[in-house]
């Protein structure tokens, strides 16, 4: 009985850790992924924004982000001189944690399979390396700025 319960707990923890967090709204600026909360907290660096209602509304250059645009996606333009916000590629993040650079990264339950994508450092909250389908994978939860 204990083995069954233990197995159930492991399975449910794996399923829960891969669930998408509906409260996080992603945004993109200069081809780098952030969150709405991050940009709302830094209004002084924002020049303009465009809101897209869903994946089908995205322009061609943002189609690669359709997997995080289920509830819409906002594209921000950053003012000149403010482009130096801290950023990291997912390949670099994998490397920092001793994982192969091409390993997918999960951010709030969304699988980022293209490790060449970059994210703003401001969105990084809790970073954990967990087993996902027999492979060590980074699971990142965003900071309080969702």
C-alpha atoms as a PDB file:
ATOM      1  CA  UNK A   1       0.000   0.000   0.000  1.00  0.00           C
ATOM      2  CA  UNK A   2       2.839   2.387   0.851  1.00  0.00           C
ATOM      3  CA  UNK A   3       4.457   1.716  -2.530  1.00  0.00           C
ATOM      4  CA  UNK A   4       1.240   2.575  -4.340  1.00  0.00           C
ATOM      5  CA  UNK A   5       0.819   5.776  -2.352  1.00  0.00           C
ATOM      6  CA  UNK A   6       4.462   6.710  -2.912  1.00  0.00           C
ATOM      7  CA  UNK A   7       4.136   6.067  -6.654  1.00  0.00           C
ATOM      8  CA  UNK A   8       0.987   8.169  -6.791  1.00  0.00           C
ATOM      9  CA  UNK A   9       2.698  11.062  -4.994  1.00  0.00           C
ATOM     10  CA  UNK A  10       5.667  11.012  -7.382  1.00  0.00           C
ATOM     11  CA  UNK A  11       3.396  10.892 -10.421  1.00  0.00           C
ATOM     12  CA  UNK A  12       1.158  13.707  -9.198  1.00  0.00           C
ATOM     13  CA  UNK A  13       4.161  15.891  -8.335  1.00  0.00           C
ATOM     14  CA  UNK A  14       5.550  15.405 -11.854  1.00  0.00           C
ATOM     15  CA  UNK A  15       2.193  16.247 -13.409  1.00  0.00           C
ATOM     16  CA  UNK A  16       1.700  19.317 -11.230  1.00  0.00           C
ATOM     17  CA  UNK A  17       5.187  20.662 -11.923  1.00  0.00           C
ATOM     18  CA  UNK A  18       4.538  20.579 -15.673  1.00  0.00           C
ATOM     19  CA  UNK A  19       1.171  22.348 -15.531  1.00  0.00           C
ATOM     20  CA  UNK A  20       0.902  25.743 -17.170  1.00  0.00           C
ATOM     21  CA  UNK A  21       0.438  28.661 -14.823  1.00  0.00           C
ATOM     22  CA  UNK A  22      -2.539  30.657 -16.169  1.00  0.00           C
ATOM     23  CA  UNK A  23      -1.714  33.739 -14.082  1.00  0.00           C
ATOM     24  CA  UNK A  24       1.529  34.435 -15.967  1.00  0.00           C
ATOM     25  CA  UNK A  25       1.185  36.662 -19.012  1.00  0.00           C
ATOM     26  CA  UNK A  26       4.218  36.581 -21.266  1.00  0.00           C
ATOM     27  CA  UNK A  27       5.564  39.504 -23.250  1.00  0.00           C
ATOM     28  CA  UNK A  28       8.348  39.929 -25.811  1.00  0.00           C
ATOM     29  CA  UNK A  29      10.747  42.799 -26.462  1.00  0.00           C
ATOM     30  CA  UNK A  30      13.683  42.754 -28.876  1.00  0.00           C
ATOM     31  CA  UNK A  31      13.110  39.021 -29.421  1.00  0.00           C
ATOM     32  CA  UNK A  32      13.541  38.343 -25.688  1.00  0.00           C
ATOM     33  CA  UNK A  33      10.818  36.840 -23.477  1.00  0.00           C
ATOM     34  CA  UNK A  34       9.667  38.588 -20.329  1.00  0.00           C
ATOM     35  CA  UNK A  35       6.403  38.945 -18.448  1.00  0.00           C
ATOM     36  CA  UNK A  36       3.774  41.664 -18.352  1.00  0.00           C
ATOM     37  CA  UNK A  37       4.545  42.234 -14.688  1.00  0.00           C
ATOM     38  CA  UNK A  38       8.208  42.821 -15.456  1.00  0.00           C
ATOM     39  CA  UNK A  39       7.392  45.466 -18.072  1.00  0.00           C
ATOM     40  CA  UNK A  40       4.662  47.056 -15.948  1.00  0.00           C
ATOM     41  CA  UNK A  41       7.254  47.517 -13.197  1.00  0.00           C
ATOM     42  CA  UNK A  42       9.626  49.173 -15.707  1.00  0.00           C
ATOM     43  CA  UNK A  43       7.267  51.534 -17.503  1.00  0.00           C
ATOM     44  CA  UNK A  44      10.026  54.125 -17.882  1.00  0.00           C
ATOM     45  CA  UNK A  45      11.891  51.929 -20.406  1.00  0.00           C
ATOM     46  CA  UNK A  46       8.842  51.163 -22.568  1.00  0.00           C
ATOM     47  CA  UNK A  47       8.394  53.167 -25.751  1.00  0.00           C
ATOM     48  CA  UNK A  48       5.269  51.393 -27.046  1.00  0.00           C
ATOM     49  CA  UNK A  49       3.395  48.121 -26.971  1.00  0.00           C
ATOM     50  CA  UNK A  50       1.175  45.977 -29.194  1.00  0.00           C
ATOM     51  CA  UNK A  51      -1.242  43.469 -27.729  1.00  0.00           C
ATOM     52  CA  UNK A  52      -2.119  40.335 -29.698  1.00  0.00           C
ATOM     53  CA  UNK A  53      -5.211  38.418 -28.559  1.00  0.00           C
ATOM     54  CA  UNK A  54      -3.989  34.925 -29.386  1.00  0.00           C
ATOM     55  CA  UNK A  55      -1.616  32.785 -31.451  1.00  0.00           C
ATOM     56  CA  UNK A  56      -3.513  33.327 -34.711  1.00  0.00           C
ATOM     57  CA  UNK A  57      -3.211  37.118 -34.361  1.00  0.00           C
ATOM     58  CA  UNK A  58       0.584  37.107 -34.073  1.00  0.00           C
ATOM     59  CA  UNK A  59       2.588  38.679 -36.914  1.00  0.00           C
ATOM     60  CA  UNK A  60       5.013  36.402 -38.761  1.00  0.00           C
ATOM     61  CA  UNK A  61       8.070  37.496 -36.737  1.00  0.00           C
ATOM     62  CA  UNK A  62       6.332  36.504 -33.472  1.00  0.00           C
ATOM     63  CA  UNK A  63       4.860  33.156 -34.630  1.00  0.00           C
ATOM     64  CA  UNK A  64       7.671  31.283 -32.872  1.00  0.00           C
ATOM     65  CA  UNK A  65       6.099  32.475 -29.591  1.00  0.00           C
ATOM     66  CA  UNK A  66       2.636  31.091 -30.372  1.00  0.00           C
ATOM     67  CA  UNK A  67       3.057  28.359 -27.723  1.00  0.00           C
ATOM     68  CA  UNK A  68       3.032  31.035 -24.973  1.00  0.00           C
ATOM     69  CA  UNK A  69       0.330  33.204 -26.576  1.00  0.00           C
ATOM     70  CA  UNK A  70      -2.711  31.126 -25.653  1.00  0.00           C
ATOM     71  CA  UNK A  71      -4.100  34.024 -23.620  1.00  0.00           C
ATOM     72  CA  UNK A  72      -2.470  36.695 -25.732  1.00  0.00           C
ATOM     73  CA  UNK A  73       1.001  38.140 -26.057  1.00  0.00           C
ATOM     74  CA  UNK A  74       2.248  41.693 -25.793  1.00  0.00           C
ATOM     75  CA  UNK A  75       5.171  42.976 -27.808  1.00  0.00           C
ATOM     76  CA  UNK A  76       7.034  45.878 -26.244  1.00  0.00           C
ATOM     77  CA  UNK A  77       9.383  48.344 -27.895  1.00  0.00           C
ATOM     78  CA  UNK A  78      12.136  49.513 -25.561  1.00  0.00           C
ATOM     79  CA  UNK A  79      13.334  53.131 -25.602  1.00  0.00           C
ATOM     80  CA  UNK A  80      16.782  53.767 -27.061  1.00  0.00           C
ATOM     81  CA  UNK A  81      19.439  53.553 -24.383  1.00  0.00           C
ATOM     82  CA  UNK A  82      17.471  51.095 -22.242  1.00  0.00           C
ATOM     83  CA  UNK A  83      18.084  47.909 -24.243  1.00  0.00           C
ATOM     84  CA  UNK A  84      20.704  46.651 -21.773  1.00  0.00           C
ATOM     85  CA  UNK A  85      18.335  44.785 -19.466  1.00  0.00           C
ATOM     86  CA  UNK A  86      19.883  41.561 -18.148  1.00  0.00           C
ATOM     87  CA  UNK A  87      19.183  38.605 -20.457  1.00  0.00           C
ATOM     88  CA  UNK A  88      20.231  34.992 -20.809  1.00  0.00           C
ATOM     89  CA  UNK A  89      19.678  32.365 -23.487  1.00  0.00           C
ATOM     90  CA  UNK A  90      18.092  29.111 -22.405  1.00  0.00           C
ATOM     91  CA  UNK A  91      21.197  27.307 -23.704  1.00  0.00           C
ATOM     92  CA  UNK A  92      23.337  29.402 -21.312  1.00  0.00           C
ATOM     93  CA  UNK A  93      20.931  28.656 -18.473  1.00  0.00           C
ATOM     94  CA  UNK A  94      21.165  24.929 -19.194  1.00  0.00           C
ATOM     95  CA  UNK A  95      24.953  25.183 -19.272  1.00  0.00           C
ATOM     96  CA  UNK A  96      25.012  26.964 -15.895  1.00  0.00           C
ATOM     97  CA  UNK A  97      23.163  24.020 -14.383  1.00  0.00           C
ATOM     98  CA  UNK A  98      25.364  21.399 -16.041  1.00  0.00           C
ATOM     99  CA  UNK A  99      22.777  20.269 -18.588  1.00  0.00           C
ATOM    100  CA  UNK A 100      23.195  19.868 -22.351  1.00  0.00           C
ATOM    101  CA  UNK A 101      22.541  23.229 -24.031  1.00  0.00           C
ATOM    102  CA  UNK A 102      19.763  21.848 -26.248  1.00  0.00           C
ATOM    103  CA  UNK A 103      17.638  20.628 -23.299  1.00  0.00           C
ATOM    104  CA  UNK A 104      14.134  22.147 -23.262  1.00  0.00           C
ATOM    105  CA  UNK A 105      13.362  24.498 -20.359  1.00  0.00           C
ATOM    106  CA  UNK A 106       9.998  24.748 -18.622  1.00  0.00           C
ATOM    107  CA  UNK A 107       8.929  28.241 -17.576  1.00  0.00           C
ATOM    108  CA  UNK A 108       5.740  28.266 -15.498  1.00  0.00           C
ATOM    109  CA  UNK A 109       4.786  24.948 -17.123  1.00  0.00           C
ATOM    110  CA  UNK A 110       5.348  26.125 -20.715  1.00  0.00           C
ATOM    111  CA  UNK A 111       7.941  24.075 -22.565  1.00  0.00           C
ATOM    112  CA  UNK A 112      10.539  26.204 -24.352  1.00  0.00           C
ATOM    113  CA  UNK A 113      12.083  23.684 -26.723  1.00  0.00           C
ATOM    114  CA  UNK A 114      14.226  26.210 -28.637  1.00  0.00           C
ATOM    115  CA  UNK A 115      17.190  26.729 -26.319  1.00  0.00           C
ATOM    116  CA  UNK A 116      18.459  29.632 -28.452  1.00  0.00           C
ATOM    117  CA  UNK A 117      15.554  31.753 -27.141  1.00  0.00           C
ATOM    118  CA  UNK A 118      16.481  34.420 -24.637  1.00  0.00           C
ATOM    119  CA  UNK A 119      14.682  35.482 -21.490  1.00  0.00           C
ATOM    120  CA  UNK A 120      15.068  38.567 -19.333  1.00  0.00           C
ATOM    121  CA  UNK A 121      16.849  37.863 -16.067  1.00  0.00           C
ATOM    122  CA  UNK A 122      14.162  39.813 -14.183  1.00  0.00           C
ATOM    123  CA  UNK A 123      11.622  37.036 -14.711  1.00  0.00           C
ATOM    124  CA  UNK A 124      13.781  34.385 -13.073  1.00  0.00           C
ATOM    125  CA  UNK A 125      12.401  33.335  -9.737  1.00  0.00           C
ATOM    126  CA  UNK A 126      12.844  29.805  -8.474  1.00  0.00           C
ATOM    127  CA  UNK A 127      15.014  27.597 -10.717  1.00  0.00           C
ATOM    128  CA  UNK A 128      15.018  23.839 -10.131  1.00  0.00           C
ATOM    129  CA  UNK A 129      16.515  20.907 -11.997  1.00  0.00           C
ATOM    130  CA  UNK A 130      14.017  18.051 -12.019  1.00  0.00           C
ATOM    131  CA  UNK A 131      13.622  14.764 -13.803  1.00  0.00           C
ATOM    132  CA  UNK A 132      11.226  15.040 -16.762  1.00  0.00           C
ATOM    133  CA  UNK A 133      10.605  11.890 -18.788  1.00  0.00           C
ATOM    134  CA  UNK A 134      13.910  10.441 -17.600  1.00  0.00           C
ATOM    135  CA  UNK A 135      15.912  13.551 -18.481  1.00  0.00           C
ATOM    136  CA  UNK A 136      17.174  16.272 -16.155  1.00  0.00           C
ATOM    137  CA  UNK A 137      15.371  19.501 -17.068  1.00  0.00           C
ATOM    138  CA  UNK A 138      15.186  23.061 -15.739  1.00  0.00           C
ATOM    139  CA  UNK A 139      11.870  24.180 -14.309  1.00  0.00           C
ATOM    140  CA  UNK A 140      11.728  27.915 -13.786  1.00  0.00           C
ATOM    141  CA  UNK A 141       9.030  29.834 -11.986  1.00  0.00           C
ATOM    142  CA  UNK A 142       8.888  33.527 -12.591  1.00  0.00           C
ATOM    143  CA  UNK A 143       9.519  36.099  -9.916  1.00  0.00           C
ATOM    144  CA  UNK A 144       6.694  37.883  -8.149  1.00  0.00           C
ATOM    145  CA  UNK A 145       6.441  40.193 -11.187  1.00  0.00           C
ATOM    146  CA  UNK A 146       3.971  38.034 -13.116  1.00  0.00           C
END
